[in-house]
Protein backbone atom coordinates (compact mmCIF):
# COMPACT_ATOMS: atom_id res chain seq x y z
CA UNK A 1 0.17 -0.05 0.09
CA UNK A 2 1.12 3.48 -0.51
CA UNK A 3 1.47 6.37 2.12
CA UNK A 4 -1.88 8.71 1.44
CA UNK A 5 -1.79 11.92 -0.53
CA UNK A 6 -0.92 14.96 1.30
CA UNK A 7 1.07 13.24 3.95
CA UNK A 8 4.53 15.58 4.24
CA UNK A 9 7.82 13.85 3.38
CA UNK A 10 8.46 10.78 4.75
CA UNK A 11 11.74 10.85 6.24
CA UNK A 12 14.74 8.12 5.53
CA UNK A 13 13.65 5.74 8.13
CA UNK A 14 9.77 5.52 7.56
CA UNK A 15 10.01 4.97 3.74
CA UNK A 16 10.76 1.49 4.81
CA UNK A 17 7.83 1.54 7.44
CA UNK A 18 4.50 -0.57 6.43
CA UNK A 19 1.58 1.41 5.16
CA UNK A 20 -1.80 0.91 7.15
CA UNK A 21 -5.16 0.57 5.65
CA UNK A 22 -5.52 4.59 5.88
CA UNK A 23 -1.99 4.88 3.97
CA UNK A 24 -0.36 5.99 7.01
CA UNK A 25 3.55 4.61 7.81
CA UNK A 26 3.21 2.47 10.77
CA UNK A 27 4.88 3.61 13.69
CA UNK A 28 7.51 1.08 15.26
CA UNK A 29 6.48 1.08 18.33
CA UNK A 30 2.91 -0.41 16.94
CA UNK A 31 2.41 -4.18 16.57
CA UNK A 32 -0.78 -5.17 18.27
CA UNK A 33 -3.66 -5.29 15.37
CA UNK A 34 -7.55 -5.39 15.70
CA UNK A 35 -9.55 -7.89 14.84
CA UNK A 36 -9.90 -6.44 11.44
CA UNK A 37 -6.48 -6.95 11.07
CA UNK A 38 -5.34 -3.35 11.45
CA UNK A 39 -2.59 -1.40 13.18
CA UNK A 40 -3.90 -0.03 16.46
CA UNK A 41 -1.55 3.31 16.75
CA UNK A 42 -3.37 3.71 20.14
CA UNK A 43 -1.51 1.09 21.74
CA UNK A 44 2.38 1.51 22.49
CA UNK A 45 4.69 -1.72 22.72
CA UNK A 46 6.23 -2.33 25.98
CA UNK A 47 8.83 -4.18 24.87
CA UNK A 48 9.46 -2.25 22.08
CA UNK A 49 10.15 0.99 24.58
CA UNK A 50 12.65 -1.05 26.33
CA UNK A 51 14.10 -2.78 23.24
CA UNK A 52 14.20 1.35 22.28
CA UNK A 53 16.34 2.18 25.10
CA UNK A 54 18.50 -0.84 24.90
CA UNK A 55 19.53 -0.39 21.20
CA UNK A 56 19.48 3.00 21.10
CA UNK A 57 16.98 3.54 18.31
CA UNK A 58 13.97 5.89 16.91
CA UNK A 59 10.78 4.90 18.87
CA UNK A 60 9.34 5.93 15.67
CA UNK A 61 10.58 4.01 12.49
CA UNK A 62 13.19 1.90 15.00
CA UNK A 63 16.93 2.97 12.75
CA UNK A 64 19.97 3.57 14.98
CA UNK A 65 19.78 7.19 16.43
CA UNK A 66 22.16 9.51 16.63
CA UNK A 67 23.26 12.11 19.01
CA UNK A 68 21.10 14.30 18.95
CA UNK A 69 17.60 13.15 18.92
CA UNK A 70 14.38 14.43 19.30
CA UNK A 71 11.51 13.92 21.91
CA UNK A 72 7.72 14.91 20.52
CA UNK A 73 6.00 15.63 23.58
CA UNK A 74 3.24 18.38 25.33
CA UNK A 75 3.81 21.56 26.77
CA UNK A 76 3.46 20.13 29.94
CA UNK A 77 6.19 17.44 29.49
CA UNK A 78 8.59 20.62 28.57
CA UNK A 79 7.74 22.32 32.32
CA UNK A 80 8.86 18.35 34.38
CA UNK A 81 11.18 17.52 31.45
CA UNK A 82 10.42 14.14 31.49
CA UNK A 83 8.38 12.45 28.66
CA UNK A 84 6.76 8.95 28.30
CA UNK A 85 8.53 7.99 25.04
CA UNK A 86 11.96 7.09 24.35
CA UNK A 87 13.69 9.30 21.80
CA UNK A 88 13.21 9.67 18.50
CA UNK A 89 15.10 11.22 15.01
CA UNK A 90 14.83 15.23 14.44
CA UNK A 91 13.30 14.64 11.17
CA UNK A 92 10.42 11.40 12.23
CA UNK A 93 9.50 13.61 14.71
CA UNK A 94 8.98 16.97 12.73
CA UNK A 95 7.27 14.33 10.32
CA UNK A 96 4.80 13.55 13.62
CA UNK A 97 3.89 16.59 14.38
CA UNK A 98 2.86 17.82 10.58
CA UNK A 99 1.19 14.48 9.88
CA UNK A 100 -0.01 12.53 13.24
CA UNK A 101 -4.50 12.57 13.35
CA UNK A 102 -4.50 13.51 16.86
CA UNK A 103 -2.30 16.35 17.12
CA UNK A 104 -4.15 17.75 13.13
CA UNK A 105 -6.81 18.31 15.03
CA UNK A 106 -6.62 20.03 18.37
CA UNK A 107 -9.90 19.70 20.09
CA UNK A 108 -10.16 15.83 18.98
CA UNK A 109 -10.14 13.33 22.04
CA UNK A 110 -8.62 10.06 22.36
CA UNK A 111 -11.01 7.57 21.38
CA UNK A 112 -11.04 4.62 24.14
CA UNK A 113 -13.60 2.58 22.55
CA UNK A 114 -11.89 -0.65 21.64
CA UNK A 115 -8.44 -0.24 23.45
CA UNK A 116 -7.62 -3.97 24.82
CA UNK A 117 -8.18 -4.49 28.40
CA UNK A 118 -4.63 -5.51 28.60
CA UNK A 119 -3.15 -2.07 27.39
CA UNK A 120 -2.09 0.00 30.53
CA UNK A 121 -3.41 3.81 30.80
CA UNK A 122 0.90 3.94 29.82
CA UNK A 123 0.76 2.26 26.83
CA UNK A 124 -2.65 3.44 25.32
CA UNK A 125 -1.19 6.88 26.70
CA UNK A 126 -2.67 10.27 28.11
CA UNK A 127 -6.10 10.85 27.14
CA UNK A 128 -5.57 15.15 27.10
CA UNK A 129 -4.98 16.23 23.44
CA UNK A 130 -2.93 19.54 24.37
CA UNK A 131 -3.47 20.93 21.25
CA UNK A 132 0.55 21.81 20.85
CA UNK A 133 3.20 19.41 20.53
CA UNK A 134 6.63 20.45 21.33
CA UNK A 135 9.95 18.93 19.36
CA UNK A 136 12.22 18.89 22.45
CA UNK A 137 16.06 18.37 20.38
CA UNK A 138 18.58 17.49 23.01
CA UNK A 139 21.81 15.42 23.15
CA UNK A 140 21.47 14.50 26.88
CA UNK A 141 18.44 11.65 28.48
CA UNK A 142 18.95 9.30 31.22
CA UNK A 143 15.88 7.03 32.37
CA UNK A 144 14.36 7.75 35.65
CA UNK A 145 15.23 5.07 37.30
CA UNK A 146 12.41 4.83 40.11
CA UNK A 147 9.34 6.62 38.62
CA UNK A 148 7.52 2.83 38.93
CA UNK A 149 7.00 2.88 34.93
CA UNK A 150 8.77 4.32 32.09
CA UNK A 151 9.80 8.08 32.36
CA UNK A 152 12.85 9.57 30.31
CA UNK A 153 15.06 12.70 31.64
CA UNK A 154 15.29 14.92 29.40
CA UNK A 155 18.30 16.42 29.20
CA UNK A 156 19.66 20.16 28.36
CA UNK A 157 17.81 22.02 25.07
CA UNK A 158 19.21 22.81 22.21
CA UNK A 159 16.18 23.78 20.55
CA UNK A 160 12.00 23.54 21.18
CA UNK A 161 9.91 24.15 18.32
CA UNK A 162 6.17 24.58 18.68
CA UNK A 163 3.58 22.57 15.90
CA UNK A 164 -0.27 22.93 16.26
CA UNK A 165 -2.33 21.00 12.98
CA UNK A 166 0.67 20.48 11.03
CA UNK A 167 2.10 23.89 10.66
CA UNK A 168 4.04 26.18 13.92
CA UNK A 169 2.10 27.17 17.16
CA UNK A 170 1.00 30.08 17.40
CA UNK A 171 2.30 32.21 21.25
CA UNK A 172 -1.94 32.49 21.67
CA UNK A 173 -2.18 28.65 20.67
CA UNK A 174 0.87 27.64 23.22
CA UNK A 175 -0.59 29.41 25.71
CA UNK A 176 -4.05 27.78 25.43
CA UNK A 177 -2.08 24.87 25.65
CA UNK A 178 0.21 25.76 28.73
CA UNK A 179 -3.40 27.34 30.74
CA UNK A 180 -5.32 24.38 29.96
CA UNK A 181 -2.08 21.93 31.25
CA UNK A 182 -1.02 23.73 34.25
CA UNK A 183 -3.51 23.22 36.50
CA UNK A 184 -3.23 19.30 36.81
CA UNK A 185 0.37 19.46 36.61
CA UNK A 186 0.31 21.70 39.80
CA UNK A 187 -2.04 20.03 41.33
CA UNK A 188 0.24 17.21 41.10
CA UNK A 189 3.15 18.90 42.41
CA UNK A 190 1.44 20.21 45.47
CA UNK A 191 -0.16 16.55 46.08
CA UNK A 192 3.95 15.57 46.05
CA UNK A 193 5.55 18.58 48.40
CA UNK A 194 6.74 19.70 45.40
CA UNK A 195 5.31 23.05 44.46
CA UNK A 196 8.68 24.95 45.28
CA UNK A 197 10.05 22.60 42.02
CA UNK A 198 7.29 23.27 39.99
CA UNK A 199 7.07 26.74 40.35
CA UNK A 200 10.80 26.59 39.55
CA UNK A 201 11.25 24.44 36.04
CA UNK A 202 7.24 26.37 35.29
CA UNK A 203 9.31 30.01 35.28
CA UNK A 204 12.93 28.00 33.34
CA UNK A 205 10.18 27.01 30.67
CA UNK A 206 8.39 30.31 30.22
CA UNK A 207 11.48 31.56 29.31
CA UNK A 208 12.47 29.61 26.48
CA UNK A 209 9.00 29.49 24.79
CA UNK A 210 8.81 31.97 21.59
CA UNK A 211 7.94 35.41 21.78
CA UNK A 212 4.15 36.79 21.19
């Protein structure tokens, strides 16, 4: 099957990936199929997570990573510098920002219907659509050993770009994503007795945001 018309140019790593019934390249982290034999993009393979870390390969295409990598995350992950997914090629992350249906429709909600019961919340991803995707580029990252479930600490950013609806996000869109996401993150920090650290990280992140 060939990629659907209108998709951005595929990065080199994704050109060798299978294409699903809709014409989207199947990410490397997707292995589960539904009852009709279609790849289930909503469910992440935890074995692939461990393999990506162990072999240092791209979470999206499965090929070897260079030193400079990217994380495609929501702005809240930029505040606490934590990603629930392994690193990717920068070009693969940009493709995801331009082509992922969930991010092309900021008001869309994640469909829970039909997700297998065995899929954990981490495997099935977060329910919130942040409306804006942040691509965090860095050369440093490490697995957080005592998180209880797979989490990665993103290192010092060498570049940040924000995306919405397949294009560069406006400052207003970024601010709205922050406005709707920060209360939840703040409440979590407060419940853990980490409110001062949250406020410190938020202040740092706000200085990294693009000019209005």
